[in-house]
PDBML (XML) file of the C-alpha atoms, coordinates in Angstrom:
<?xml version="1.0" encoding="UTF-8" ?>
<PDBx:datablock datablockName="MODEL"
   xmlns:PDBx="http://pdbml.pdb.org/schema/pdbx-v50.xsd"
   xmlns:xsi="http://www.w3.org/2001/XMLSchema-instance"
   xsi:schemaLocation="http://pdbml.pdb.org/schema/pdbx-v50.xsd pdbx-v50.xsd">
   <PDBx:atom_siteCategory>
      <PDBx:atom_site id="1">
         <PDBx:B_iso_or_equiv>0.00</PDBx:B_iso_or_equiv>
         <PDBx:Cartn_x>-3.261</PDBx:Cartn_x>
         <PDBx:Cartn_y>13.369</PDBx:Cartn_y>
         <PDBx:Cartn_z>10.298</PDBx:Cartn_z>
         <PDBx:auth_asym_id>A</PDBx:auth_asym_id>
         <PDBx:auth_atom_id>CA</PDBx:auth_atom_id>
         <PDBx:auth_comp_id>UNK</PDBx:auth_comp_id>
         <PDBx:auth_seq_id>1</PDBx:auth_seq_id>
         <PDBx:group_PDB>ATOM</PDBx:group_PDB>
         <PDBx:label_alt_id xsi:nil="true" />
         <PDBx:label_asym_id>A</PDBx:label_asym_id>
         <PDBx:label_atom_id>CA</PDBx:label_atom_id>
         <PDBx:label_comp_id>UNK</PDBx:label_comp_id>
         <PDBx:label_entity_id>1</PDBx:label_entity_id>
         <PDBx:label_seq_id>1</PDBx:label_seq_id>
         <PDBx:occupancy>1.00</PDBx:occupancy>
         <PDBx:pdbx_PDB_model_num>1</PDBx:pdbx_PDB_model_num>
         <PDBx:type_symbol>C</PDBx:type_symbol>
      </PDBx:atom_site>
      <PDBx:atom_site id="2">
         <PDBx:B_iso_or_equiv>0.00</PDBx:B_iso_or_equiv>
         <PDBx:Cartn_x>0.437</PDBx:Cartn_x>
         <PDBx:Cartn_y>14.380</PDBx:Cartn_y>
         <PDBx:Cartn_z>11.981</PDBx:Cartn_z>
         <PDBx:auth_asym_id>A</PDBx:auth_asym_id>
         <PDBx:auth_atom_id>CA</PDBx:auth_atom_id>
         <PDBx:auth_comp_id>UNK</PDBx:auth_comp_id>
         <PDBx:auth_seq_id>2</PDBx:auth_seq_id>
         <PDBx:group_PDB>ATOM</PDBx:group_PDB>
         <PDBx:label_alt_id xsi:nil="true" />
         <PDBx:label_asym_id>A</PDBx:label_asym_id>
         <PDBx:label_atom_id>CA</PDBx:label_atom_id>
         <PDBx:label_comp_id>UNK</PDBx:label_comp_id>
         <PDBx:label_entity_id>1</PDBx:label_entity_id>
         <PDBx:label_seq_id>2</PDBx:label_seq_id>
         <PDBx:occupancy>1.00</PDBx:occupancy>
         <PDBx:pdbx_PDB_model_num>1</PDBx:pdbx_PDB_model_num>
         <PDBx:type_symbol>C</PDBx:type_symbol>
      </PDBx:atom_site>
      <PDBx:atom_site id="3">
         <PDBx:B_iso_or_equiv>0.00</PDBx:B_iso_or_equiv>
         <PDBx:Cartn_x>2.402</PDBx:Cartn_x>
         <PDBx:Cartn_y>16.835</PDBx:Cartn_y>
         <PDBx:Cartn_z>14.855</PDBx:Cartn_z>
         <PDBx:auth_asym_id>A</PDBx:auth_asym_id>
         <PDBx:auth_atom_id>CA</PDBx:auth_atom_id>
         <PDBx:auth_comp_id>UNK</PDBx:auth_comp_id>
         <PDBx:auth_seq_id>3</PDBx:auth_seq_id>
         <PDBx:group_PDB>ATOM</PDBx:group_PDB>
         <PDBx:label_alt_id xsi:nil="true" />
         <PDBx:label_asym_id>A</PDBx:label_asym_id>
         <PDBx:label_atom_id>CA</PDBx:label_atom_id>
         <PDBx:label_comp_id>UNK</PDBx:label_comp_id>
         <PDBx:label_entity_id>1</PDBx:label_entity_id>
         <PDBx:label_seq_id>3</PDBx:label_seq_id>
         <PDBx:occupancy>1.00</PDBx:occupancy>
         <PDBx:pdbx_PDB_model_num>1</PDBx:pdbx_PDB_model_num>
         <PDBx:type_symbol>C</PDBx:type_symbol>
      </PDBx:atom_site>
      <PDBx:atom_site id="4">
         <PDBx:B_iso_or_equiv>0.00</PDBx:B_iso_or_equiv>
         <PDBx:Cartn_x>1.736</PDBx:Cartn_x>
         <PDBx:Cartn_y>19.871</PDBx:Cartn_y>
         <PDBx:Cartn_z>12.456</PDBx:Cartn_z>
         <PDBx:auth_asym_id>A</PDBx:auth_asym_id>
         <PDBx:auth_atom_id>CA</PDBx:auth_atom_id>
         <PDBx:auth_comp_id>UNK</PDBx:auth_comp_id>
         <PDBx:auth_seq_id>4</PDBx:auth_seq_id>
         <PDBx:group_PDB>ATOM</PDBx:group_PDB>
         <PDBx:label_alt_id xsi:nil="true" />
         <PDBx:label_asym_id>A</PDBx:label_asym_id>
         <PDBx:label_atom_id>CA</PDBx:label_atom_id>
         <PDBx:label_comp_id>UNK</PDBx:label_comp_id>
         <PDBx:label_entity_id>1</PDBx:label_entity_id>
         <PDBx:label_seq_id>4</PDBx:label_seq_id>
         <PDBx:occupancy>1.00</PDBx:occupancy>
         <PDBx:pdbx_PDB_model_num>1</PDBx:pdbx_PDB_model_num>
         <PDBx:type_symbol>C</PDBx:type_symbol>
      </PDBx:atom_site>
      <PDBx:atom_site id="5">
         <PDBx:B_iso_or_equiv>0.00</PDBx:B_iso_or_equiv>
         <PDBx:Cartn_x>-0.341</PDBx:Cartn_x>
         <PDBx:Cartn_y>21.778</PDBx:Cartn_y>
         <PDBx:Cartn_z>13.809</PDBx:Cartn_z>
         <PDBx:auth_asym_id>A</PDBx:auth_asym_id>
         <PDBx:auth_atom_id>CA</PDBx:auth_atom_id>
         <PDBx:auth_comp_id>UNK</PDBx:auth_comp_id>
         <PDBx:auth_seq_id>5</PDBx:auth_seq_id>
         <PDBx:group_PDB>ATOM</PDBx:group_PDB>
         <PDBx:label_alt_id xsi:nil="true" />
         <PDBx:label_asym_id>A</PDBx:label_asym_id>
         <PDBx:label_atom_id>CA</PDBx:label_atom_id>
         <PDBx:label_comp_id>UNK</PDBx:label_comp_id>
         <PDBx:label_entity_id>1</PDBx:label_entity_id>
         <PDBx:label_seq_id>5</PDBx:label_seq_id>
         <PDBx:occupancy>1.00</PDBx:occupancy>
         <PDBx:pdbx_PDB_model_num>1</PDBx:pdbx_PDB_model_num>
         <PDBx:type_symbol>C</PDBx:type_symbol>
      </PDBx:atom_site>
      <PDBx:atom_site id="6">
         <PDBx:B_iso_or_equiv>0.00</PDBx:B_iso_or_equiv>
         <PDBx:Cartn_x>-1.939</PDBx:Cartn_x>
         <PDBx:Cartn_y>23.073</PDBx:Cartn_y>
         <PDBx:Cartn_z>9.842</PDBx:Cartn_z>
         <PDBx:auth_asym_id>A</PDBx:auth_asym_id>
         <PDBx:auth_atom_id>CA</PDBx:auth_atom_id>
         <PDBx:auth_comp_id>UNK</PDBx:auth_comp_id>
         <PDBx:auth_seq_id>6</PDBx:auth_seq_id>
         <PDBx:group_PDB>ATOM</PDBx:group_PDB>
         <PDBx:label_alt_id xsi:nil="true" />
         <PDBx:label_asym_id>A</PDBx:label_asym_id>
         <PDBx:label_atom_id>CA</PDBx:label_atom_id>
         <PDBx:label_comp_id>UNK</PDBx:label_comp_id>
         <PDBx:label_entity_id>1</PDBx:label_entity_id>
         <PDBx:label_seq_id>6</PDBx:label_seq_id>
         <PDBx:occupancy>1.00</PDBx:occupancy>
         <PDBx:pdbx_PDB_model_num>1</PDBx:pdbx_PDB_model_num>
         <PDBx:type_symbol>C</PDBx:type_symbol>
      </PDBx:atom_site>
      <PDBx:atom_site id="7">
         <PDBx:B_iso_or_equiv>0.00</PDBx:B_iso_or_equiv>
         <PDBx:Cartn_x>-3.609</PDBx:Cartn_x>
         <PDBx:Cartn_y>18.704</PDBx:Cartn_y>
         <PDBx:Cartn_z>10.096</PDBx:Cartn_z>
         <PDBx:auth_asym_id>A</PDBx:auth_asym_id>
         <PDBx:auth_atom_id>CA</PDBx:auth_atom_id>
         <PDBx:auth_comp_id>UNK</PDBx:auth_comp_id>
         <PDBx:auth_seq_id>7</PDBx:auth_seq_id>
         <PDBx:group_PDB>ATOM</PDBx:group_PDB>
         <PDBx:label_alt_id xsi:nil="true" />
         <PDBx:label_asym_id>A</PDBx:label_asym_id>
         <PDBx:label_atom_id>CA</PDBx:label_atom_id>
         <PDBx:label_comp_id>UNK</PDBx:label_comp_id>
         <PDBx:label_entity_id>1</PDBx:label_entity_id>
         <PDBx:label_seq_id>7</PDBx:label_seq_id>
         <PDBx:occupancy>1.00</PDBx:occupancy>
         <PDBx:pdbx_PDB_model_num>1</PDBx:pdbx_PDB_model_num>
         <PDBx:type_symbol>C</PDBx:type_symbol>
      </PDBx:atom_site>
      <PDBx:atom_site id="8">
         <PDBx:B_iso_or_equiv>0.00</PDBx:B_iso_or_equiv>
         <PDBx:Cartn_x>-6.685</PDBx:Cartn_x>
         <PDBx:Cartn_y>18.379</PDBx:Cartn_y>
         <PDBx:Cartn_z>10.596</PDBx:Cartn_z>
         <PDBx:auth_asym_id>A</PDBx:auth_asym_id>
         <PDBx:auth_atom_id>CA</PDBx:auth_atom_id>
         <PDBx:auth_comp_id>UNK</PDBx:auth_comp_id>
         <PDBx:auth_seq_id>8</PDBx:auth_seq_id>
         <PDBx:group_PDB>ATOM</PDBx:group_PDB>
         <PDBx:label_alt_id xsi:nil="true" />
         <PDBx:label_asym_id>A</PDBx:label_asym_id>
         <PDBx:label_atom_id>CA</PDBx:label_atom_id>
         <PDBx:label_comp_id>UNK</PDBx:label_comp_id>
         <PDBx:label_entity_id>1</PDBx:label_entity_id>
         <PDBx:label_seq_id>8</PDBx:label_seq_id>
         <PDBx:occupancy>1.00</PDBx:occupancy>
         <PDBx:pdbx_PDB_model_num>1</PDBx:pdbx_PDB_model_num>
         <PDBx:type_symbol>C</PDBx:type_symbol>
      </PDBx:atom_site>
      <PDBx:atom_site id="9">
         <PDBx:B_iso_or_equiv>0.00</PDBx:B_iso_or_equiv>
         <PDBx:Cartn_x>-5.731</PDBx:Cartn_x>
         <PDBx:Cartn_y>15.530</PDBx:Cartn_y>
         <PDBx:Cartn_z>13.209</PDBx:Cartn_z>
         <PDBx:auth_asym_id>A</PDBx:auth_asym_id>
         <PDBx:auth_atom_id>CA</PDBx:auth_atom_id>
         <PDBx:auth_comp_id>UNK</PDBx:auth_comp_id>
         <PDBx:auth_seq_id>9</PDBx:auth_seq_id>
         <PDBx:group_PDB>ATOM</PDBx:group_PDB>
         <PDBx:label_alt_id xsi:nil="true" />
         <PDBx:label_asym_id>A</PDBx:label_asym_id>
         <PDBx:label_atom_id>CA</PDBx:label_atom_id>
         <PDBx:label_comp_id>UNK</PDBx:label_comp_id>
         <PDBx:label_entity_id>1</PDBx:label_entity_id>
         <PDBx:label_seq_id>9</PDBx:label_seq_id>
         <PDBx:occupancy>1.00</PDBx:occupancy>
         <PDBx:pdbx_PDB_model_num>1</PDBx:pdbx_PDB_model_num>
         <PDBx:type_symbol>C</PDBx:type_symbol>
      </PDBx:atom_site>
      <PDBx:atom_site id="10">
         <PDBx:B_iso_or_equiv>0.00</PDBx:B_iso_or_equiv>
         <PDBx:Cartn_x>-2.804</PDBx:Cartn_x>
         <PDBx:Cartn_y>16.604</PDBx:Cartn_y>
         <PDBx:Cartn_z>15.546</PDBx:Cartn_z>
         <PDBx:auth_asym_id>A</PDBx:auth_asym_id>
         <PDBx:auth_atom_id>CA</PDBx:auth_atom_id>
         <PDBx:auth_comp_id>UNK</PDBx:auth_comp_id>
         <PDBx:auth_seq_id>10</PDBx:auth_seq_id>
         <PDBx:group_PDB>ATOM</PDBx:group_PDB>
         <PDBx:label_alt_id xsi:nil="true" />
         <PDBx:label_asym_id>A</PDBx:label_asym_id>
         <PDBx:label_atom_id>CA</PDBx:label_atom_id>
         <PDBx:label_comp_id>UNK</PDBx:label_comp_id>
         <PDBx:label_entity_id>1</PDBx:label_entity_id>
         <PDBx:label_seq_id>10</PDBx:label_seq_id>
         <PDBx:occupancy>1.00</PDBx:occupancy>
         <PDBx:pdbx_PDB_model_num>1</PDBx:pdbx_PDB_model_num>
         <PDBx:type_symbol>C</PDBx:type_symbol>
      </PDBx:atom_site>
      <PDBx:atom_site id="11">
         <PDBx:B_iso_or_equiv>0.00</PDBx:B_iso_or_equiv>
         <PDBx:Cartn_x>-0.950</PDBx:Cartn_x>
         <PDBx:Cartn_y>14.058</PDBx:Cartn_y>
         <PDBx:Cartn_z>17.388</PDBx:Cartn_z>
         <PDBx:auth_asym_id>A</PDBx:auth_asym_id>
         <PDBx:auth_atom_id>CA</PDBx:auth_atom_id>
         <PDBx:auth_comp_id>UNK</PDBx:auth_comp_id>
         <PDBx:auth_seq_id>11</PDBx:auth_seq_id>
         <PDBx:group_PDB>ATOM</PDBx:group_PDB>
         <PDBx:label_alt_id xsi:nil="true" />
         <PDBx:label_asym_id>A</PDBx:label_asym_id>
         <PDBx:label_atom_id>CA</PDBx:label_atom_id>
         <PDBx:label_comp_id>UNK</PDBx:label_comp_id>
         <PDBx:label_entity_id>1</PDBx:label_entity_id>
         <PDBx:label_seq_id>11</PDBx:label_seq_id>
         <PDBx:occupancy>1.00</PDBx:occupancy>
         <PDBx:pdbx_PDB_model_num>1</PDBx:pdbx_PDB_model_num>
         <PDBx:type_symbol>C</PDBx:type_symbol>
      </PDBx:atom_site>
      <PDBx:atom_site id="12">
         <PDBx:B_iso_or_equiv>0.00</PDBx:B_iso_or_equiv>
         <PDBx:Cartn_x>1.900</PDBx:Cartn_x>
         <PDBx:Cartn_y>15.074</PDBx:Cartn_y>
         <PDBx:Cartn_z>20.158</PDBx:Cartn_z>
         <PDBx:auth_asym_id>A</PDBx:auth_asym_id>
         <PDBx:auth_atom_id>CA</PDBx:auth_atom_id>
         <PDBx:auth_comp_id>UNK</PDBx:auth_comp_id>
         <PDBx:auth_seq_id>12</PDBx:auth_seq_id>
         <PDBx:group_PDB>ATOM</PDBx:group_PDB>
         <PDBx:label_alt_id xsi:nil="true" />
         <PDBx:label_asym_id>A</PDBx:label_asym_id>
         <PDBx:label_atom_id>CA</PDBx:label_atom_id>
         <PDBx:label_comp_id>UNK</PDBx:label_comp_id>
         <PDBx:label_entity_id>1</PDBx:label_entity_id>
         <PDBx:label_seq_id>12</PDBx:label_seq_id>
         <PDBx:occupancy>1.00</PDBx:occupancy>
         <PDBx:pdbx_PDB_model_num>1</PDBx:pdbx_PDB_model_num>
         <PDBx:type_symbol>C</PDBx:type_symbol>
      </PDBx:atom_site>
      <PDBx:atom_site id="13">
         <PDBx:B_iso_or_equiv>0.00</PDBx:B_iso_or_equiv>
         <PDBx:Cartn_x>3.827</PDBx:Cartn_x>
         <PDBx:Cartn_y>12.630</PDBx:Cartn_y>
         <PDBx:Cartn_z>19.300</PDBx:Cartn_z>
         <PDBx:auth_asym_id>A</PDBx:auth_asym_id>
         <PDBx:auth_atom_id>CA</PDBx:auth_atom_id>
         <PDBx:auth_comp_id>UNK</PDBx:auth_comp_id>
         <PDBx:auth_seq_id>13</PDBx:auth_seq_id>
         <PDBx:group_PDB>ATOM</PDBx:group_PDB>
         <PDBx:label_alt_id xsi:nil="true" />
         <PDBx:label_asym_id>A</PDBx:label_asym_id>
         <PDBx:label_atom_id>CA</PDBx:label_atom_id>
         <PDBx:label_comp_id>UNK</PDBx:label_comp_id>
         <PDBx:label_entity_id>1</PDBx:label_entity_id>
         <PDBx:label_seq_id>13</PDBx:label_seq_id>
         <PDBx:occupancy>1.00</PDBx:occupancy>
         <PDBx:pdbx_PDB_model_num>1</PDBx:pdbx_PDB_model_num>
         <PDBx:type_symbol>C</PDBx:type_symbol>
      </PDBx:atom_site>
      <PDBx:atom_site id="14">
         <PDBx:B_iso_or_equiv>0.00</PDBx:B_iso_or_equiv>
         <PDBx:Cartn_x>7.799</PDBx:Cartn_x>
         <PDBx:Cartn_y>13.307</PDBx:Cartn_y>
         <PDBx:Cartn_z>19.074</PDBx:Cartn_z>
         <PDBx:auth_asym_id>A</PDBx:auth_asym_id>
         <PDBx:auth_atom_id>CA</PDBx:auth_atom_id>
         <PDBx:auth_comp_id>UNK</PDBx:auth_comp_id>
         <PDBx:auth_seq_id>14</PDBx:auth_seq_id>
         <PDBx:group_PDB>ATOM</PDBx:group_PDB>
         <PDBx:label_alt_id xsi:nil="true" />
         <PDBx:label_asym_id>A</PDBx:label_asym_id>
         <PDBx:label_atom_id>CA</PDBx:label_atom_id>
         <PDBx:label_comp_id>UNK</PDBx:label_comp_id>
         <PDBx:label_entity_id>1</PDBx:label_entity_id>
         <PDBx:label_seq_id>14</PDBx:label_seq_id>
         <PDBx:occupancy>1.00</PDBx:occupancy>
         <PDBx:pdbx_PDB_model_num>1</PDBx:pdbx_PDB_model_num>
         <PDBx:type_symbol>C</PDBx:type_symbol>
      </PDBx:atom_site>
      <PDBx:atom_site id="15">
         <PDBx:B_iso_or_equiv>0.00</PDBx:B_iso_or_equiv>
         <PDBx:Cartn_x>8.117</PDBx:Cartn_x>
         <PDBx:Cartn_y>10.330</PDBx:Cartn_y>
         <PDBx:Cartn_z>17.487</PDBx:Cartn_z>
         <PDBx:auth_asym_id>A</PDBx:auth_asym_id>
         <PDBx:auth_atom_id>CA</PDBx:auth_atom_id>
         <PDBx:auth_comp_id>UNK</PDBx:auth_comp_id>
         <PDBx:auth_seq_id>15</PDBx:auth_seq_id>
         <PDBx:group_PDB>ATOM</PDBx:group_PDB>
         <PDBx:label_alt_id xsi:nil="true" />
         <PDBx:label_asym_id>A</PDBx:label_asym_id>
         <PDBx:label_atom_id>CA</PDBx:label_atom_id>
         <PDBx:label_comp_id>UNK</PDBx:label_comp_id>
         <PDBx:label_entity_id>1</PDBx:label_entity_id>
         <PDBx:label_seq_id>15</PDBx:label_seq_id>
         <PDBx:occupancy>1.00</PDBx:occupancy>
         <PDBx:pdbx_PDB_model_num>1</PDBx:pdbx_PDB_model_num>
         <PDBx:type_symbol>C</PDBx:type_symbol>
      </PDBx:atom_site>
      <PDBx:atom_site id="16">
         <PDBx:B_iso_or_equiv>0.00</PDBx:B_iso_or_equiv>
         <PDBx:Cartn_x>4.966</PDBx:Cartn_x>
         <PDBx:Cartn_y>11.441</PDBx:Cartn_y>
         <PDBx:Cartn_z>14.414</PDBx:Cartn_z>
         <PDBx:auth_asym_id>A</PDBx:auth_asym_id>
         <PDBx:auth_atom_id>CA</PDBx:auth_atom_id>
         <PDBx:auth_comp_id>UNK</PDBx:auth_comp_id>
         <PDBx:auth_seq_id>16</PDBx:auth_seq_id>
         <PDBx:group_PDB>ATOM</PDBx:group_PDB>
         <PDBx:label_alt_id xsi:nil="true" />
         <PDBx:label_asym_id>A</PDBx:label_asym_id>
         <PDBx:label_atom_id>CA</PDBx:label_atom_id>
         <PDBx:label_comp_id>UNK</PDBx:label_comp_id>
         <PDBx:label_entity_id>1</PDBx:label_entity_id>
         <PDBx:label_seq_id>16</PDBx:label_seq_id>
         <PDBx:occupancy>1.00</PDBx:occupancy>
         <PDBx:pdbx_PDB_model_num>1</PDBx:pdbx_PDB_model_num>
         <PDBx:type_symbol>C</PDBx:type_symbol>
      </PDBx:atom_site>
      <PDBx:atom_site id="17">
         <PDBx:B_iso_or_equiv>0.00</PDBx:B_iso_or_equiv>
         <PDBx:Cartn_x>5.769</PDBx:Cartn_x>
         <PDBx:Cartn_y>13.386</PDBx:Cartn_y>
         <PDBx:Cartn_z>11.518</PDBx:Cartn_z>
         <PDBx:auth_asym_id>A</PDBx:auth_asym_id>
         <PDBx:auth_atom_id>CA</PDBx:auth_atom_id>
         <PDBx:auth_comp_id>UNK</PDBx:auth_comp_id>
         <PDBx:auth_seq_id>17</PDBx:auth_seq_id>
         <PDBx:group_PDB>ATOM</PDBx:group_PDB>
         <PDBx:label_alt_id xsi:nil="true" />
         <PDBx:label_asym_id>A</PDBx:label_asym_id>
         <PDBx:label_atom_id>CA</PDBx:label_atom_id>
         <PDBx:label_comp_id>UNK</PDBx:label_comp_id>
         <PDBx:label_entity_id>1</PDBx:label_entity_id>
         <PDBx:label_seq_id>17</PDBx:label_seq_id>
         <PDBx:occupancy>1.00</PDBx:occupancy>
         <PDBx:pdbx_PDB_model_num>1</PDBx:pdbx_PDB_model_num>
         <PDBx:type_symbol>C</PDBx:type_symbol>
      </PDBx:atom_site>
      <PDBx:atom_site id="18">
         <PDBx:B_iso_or_equiv>0.00</PDBx:B_iso_or_equiv>
         <PDBx:Cartn_x>4.461</PDBx:Cartn_x>
         <PDBx:Cartn_y>16.553</PDBx:Cartn_y>
         <PDBx:Cartn_z>11.094</PDBx:Cartn_z>
         <PDBx:auth_asym_id>A</PDBx:auth_asym_id>
         <PDBx:auth_atom_id>CA</PDBx:auth_atom_id>
         <PDBx:auth_comp_id>UNK</PDBx:auth_comp_id>
         <PDBx:auth_seq_id>18</PDBx:auth_seq_id>
         <PDBx:group_PDB>ATOM</PDBx:group_PDB>
         <PDBx:label_alt_id xsi:nil="true" />
         <PDBx:label_asym_id>A</PDBx:label_asym_id>
         <PDBx:label_atom_id>CA</PDBx:label_atom_id>
         <PDBx:label_comp_id>UNK</PDBx:label_comp_id>
         <PDBx:label_entity_id>1</PDBx:label_entity_id>
         <PDBx:label_seq_id>18</PDBx:label_seq_id>
         <PDBx:occupancy>1.00</PDBx:occupancy>
         <PDBx:pdbx_PDB_model_num>1</PDBx:pdbx_PDB_model_num>
         <PDBx:type_symbol>C</PDBx:type_symbol>
      </PDBx:atom_site>
      <PDBx:atom_site id="19">
         <PDBx:B_iso_or_equiv>0.00</PDBx:B_iso_or_equiv>
         <PDBx:Cartn_x>2.745</PDBx:Cartn_x>
         <PDBx:Cartn_y>15.964</PDBx:Cartn_y>
         <PDBx:Cartn_z>7.833</PDBx:Cartn_z>
         <PDBx:auth_asym_id>A</PDBx:auth_asym_id>
         <PDBx:auth_atom_id>CA</PDBx:auth_atom_id>
         <PDBx:auth_comp_id>UNK</PDBx:auth_comp_id>
         <PDBx:auth_seq_id>19</PDBx:auth_seq_id>
         <PDBx:group_PDB>ATOM</PDBx:group_PDB>
         <PDBx:label_alt_id xsi:nil="true" />
         <PDBx:label_asym_id>A</PDBx:label_asym_id>
         <PDBx:label_atom_id>CA</PDBx:label_atom_id>
         <PDBx:label_comp_id>UNK</PDBx:label_comp_id>
         <PDBx:label_entity_id>1</PDBx:label_entity_id>
         <PDBx:label_seq_id>19</PDBx:label_seq_id>
         <PDBx:occupancy>1.00</PDBx:occupancy>
         <PDBx:pdbx_PDB_model_num>1</PDBx:pdbx_PDB_model_num>
         <PDBx:type_symbol>C</PDBx:type_symbol>
      </PDBx:atom_site>
      <PDBx:atom_site id="20">
         <PDBx:B_iso_or_equiv>0.00</PDBx:B_iso_or_equiv>
         <PDBx:Cartn_x>2.562</PDBx:Cartn_x>
         <PDBx:Cartn_y>11.782</PDBx:Cartn_y>
         <PDBx:Cartn_z>8.966</PDBx:Cartn_z>
         <PDBx:auth_asym_id>A</PDBx:auth_asym_id>
         <PDBx:auth_atom_id>CA</PDBx:auth_atom_id>
         <PDBx:auth_comp_id>UNK</PDBx:auth_comp_id>
         <PDBx:auth_seq_id>20</PDBx:auth_seq_id>
         <PDBx:group_PDB>ATOM</PDBx:group_PDB>
         <PDBx:label_alt_id xsi:nil="true" />
         <PDBx:label_asym_id>A</PDBx:label_asym_id>
         <PDBx:label_atom_id>CA</PDBx:label_atom_id>
         <PDBx:label_comp_id>UNK</PDBx:label_comp_id>
         <PDBx:label_entity_id>1</PDBx:label_entity_id>
         <PDBx:label_seq_id>20</PDBx:label_seq_id>
         <PDBx:occupancy>1.00</PDBx:occupancy>
         <PDBx:pdbx_PDB_model_num>1</PDBx:pdbx_PDB_model_num>
         <PDBx:type_symbol>C</PDBx:type_symbol>
      </PDBx:atom_site>
      <PDBx:atom_site id="21">
         <PDBx:B_iso_or_equiv>0.00</PDBx:B_iso_or_equiv>
         <PDBx:Cartn_x>-1.224</PDBx:Cartn_x>
         <PDBx:Cartn_y>10.257</PDBx:Cartn_y>
         <PDBx:Cartn_z>6.746</PDBx:Cartn_z>
         <PDBx:auth_asym_id>A</PDBx:auth_asym_id>
         <PDBx:auth_atom_id>CA</PDBx:auth_atom_id>
         <PDBx:auth_comp_id>UNK</PDBx:auth_comp_id>
         <PDBx:auth_seq_id>21</PDBx:auth_seq_id>
         <PDBx:group_PDB>ATOM</PDBx:group_PDB>
         <PDBx:label_alt_id xsi:nil="true" />
         <PDBx:label_asym_id>A</PDBx:label_asym_id>
         <PDBx:label_atom_id>CA</PDBx:label_atom_id>
         <PDBx:label_comp_id>UNK</PDBx:label_comp_id>
         <PDBx:label_entity_id>1</PDBx:label_entity_id>
         <PDBx:label_seq_id>21</PDBx:label_seq_id>
         <PDBx:occupancy>1.00</PDBx:occupancy>
         <PDBx:pdbx_PDB_model_num>1</PDBx:pdbx_PDB_model_num>
         <PDBx:type_symbol>C</PDBx:type_symbol>
      </PDBx:atom_site>
      <PDBx:atom_site id="22">
         <PDBx:B_iso_or_equiv>0.00</PDBx:B_iso_or_equiv>
         <PDBx:Cartn_x>-3.789</PDBx:Cartn_x>
         <PDBx:Cartn_y>11.878</PDBx:Cartn_y>
         <PDBx:Cartn_z>5.206</PDBx:Cartn_z>
         <PDBx:auth_asym_id>A</PDBx:auth_asym_id>
         <PDBx:auth_atom_id>CA</PDBx:auth_atom_id>
         <PDBx:auth_comp_id>UNK</PDBx:auth_comp_id>
         <PDBx:auth_seq_id>22</PDBx:auth_seq_id>
         <PDBx:group_PDB>ATOM</PDBx:group_PDB>
         <PDBx:label_alt_id xsi:nil="true" />
         <PDBx:label_asym_id>A</PDBx:label_asym_id>
         <PDBx:label_atom_id>CA</PDBx:label_atom_id>
         <PDBx:label_comp_id>UNK</PDBx:label_comp_id>
         <PDBx:label_entity_id>1</PDBx:label_entity_id>
         <PDBx:label_seq_id>22</PDBx:label_seq_id>
         <PDBx:occupancy>1.00</PDBx:occupancy>
         <PDBx:pdbx_PDB_model_num>1</PDBx:pdbx_PDB_model_num>
         <PDBx:type_symbol>C</PDBx:type_symbol>
      </PDBx:atom_site>
      <PDBx:atom_site id="23">
         <PDBx:B_iso_or_equiv>0.00</PDBx:B_iso_or_equiv>
         <PDBx:Cartn_x>-7.230</PDBx:Cartn_x>
         <PDBx:Cartn_y>9.692</PDBx:Cartn_y>
         <PDBx:Cartn_z>5.113</PDBx:Cartn_z>
         <PDBx:auth_asym_id>A</PDBx:auth_asym_id>
         <PDBx:auth_atom_id>CA</PDBx:auth_atom_id>
         <PDBx:auth_comp_id>UNK</PDBx:auth_comp_id>
         <PDBx:auth_seq_id>23</PDBx:auth_seq_id>
         <PDBx:group_PDB>ATOM</PDBx:group_PDB>
         <PDBx:label_alt_id xsi:nil="true" />
         <PDBx:label_asym_id>A</PDBx:label_asym_id>
         <PDBx:label_atom_id>CA</PDBx:label_atom_id>
         <PDBx:label_comp_id>UNK</PDBx:label_comp_id>
         <PDBx:label_entity_id>1</PDBx:label_entity_id>
         <PDBx:label_seq_id>23</PDBx:label_seq_id>
         <PDBx:occupancy>1.00</PDBx:occupancy>
         <PDBx:pdbx_PDB_model_num>1</PDBx:pdbx_PDB_model_num>
         <PDBx:type_symbol>C</PDBx:type_symbol>
      </PDBx:atom_site>
      <PDBx:atom_site id="24">
         <PDBx:B_iso_or_equiv>0.00</PDBx:B_iso_or_equiv>
         <PDBx:Cartn_x>-10.117</PDBx:Cartn_x>
         <PDBx:Cartn_y>10.249</PDBx:Cartn_y>
         <PDBx:Cartn_z>2.476</PDBx:Cartn_z>
         <PDBx:auth_asym_id>A</PDBx:auth_asym_id>
         <PDBx:auth_atom_id>CA</PDBx:auth_atom_id>
         <PDBx:auth_comp_id>UNK</PDBx:auth_comp_id>
         <PDBx:auth_seq_id>24</PDBx:auth_seq_id>
         <PDBx:group_PDB>ATOM</PDBx:group_PDB>
         <PDBx:label_alt_id xsi:nil="true" />
         <PDBx:label_asym_id>A</PDBx:label_asym_id>
         <PDBx:label_atom_id>CA</PDBx:label_atom_id>
         <PDBx:label_comp_id>UNK</PDBx:label_comp_id>
         <PDBx:label_entity_id>1</PDBx:label_entity_id>
         <PDBx:label_seq_id>24</PDBx:label_seq_id>
         <PDBx:occupancy>1.00</PDBx:occupancy>
         <PDBx:pdbx_PDB_model_num>1</PDBx:pdbx_PDB_model_num>
         <PDBx:type_symbol>C</PDBx:type_symbol>
      </PDBx:atom_site>
   </PDBx:atom_siteCategory>
</PDBx:datablock>
């Protein structure tokens, strides 16, 4: 999860980091 388009869940959120977190 993050702002970067390479994430599986992309958030349009300026406060969110490009690669913010992951869930597994």
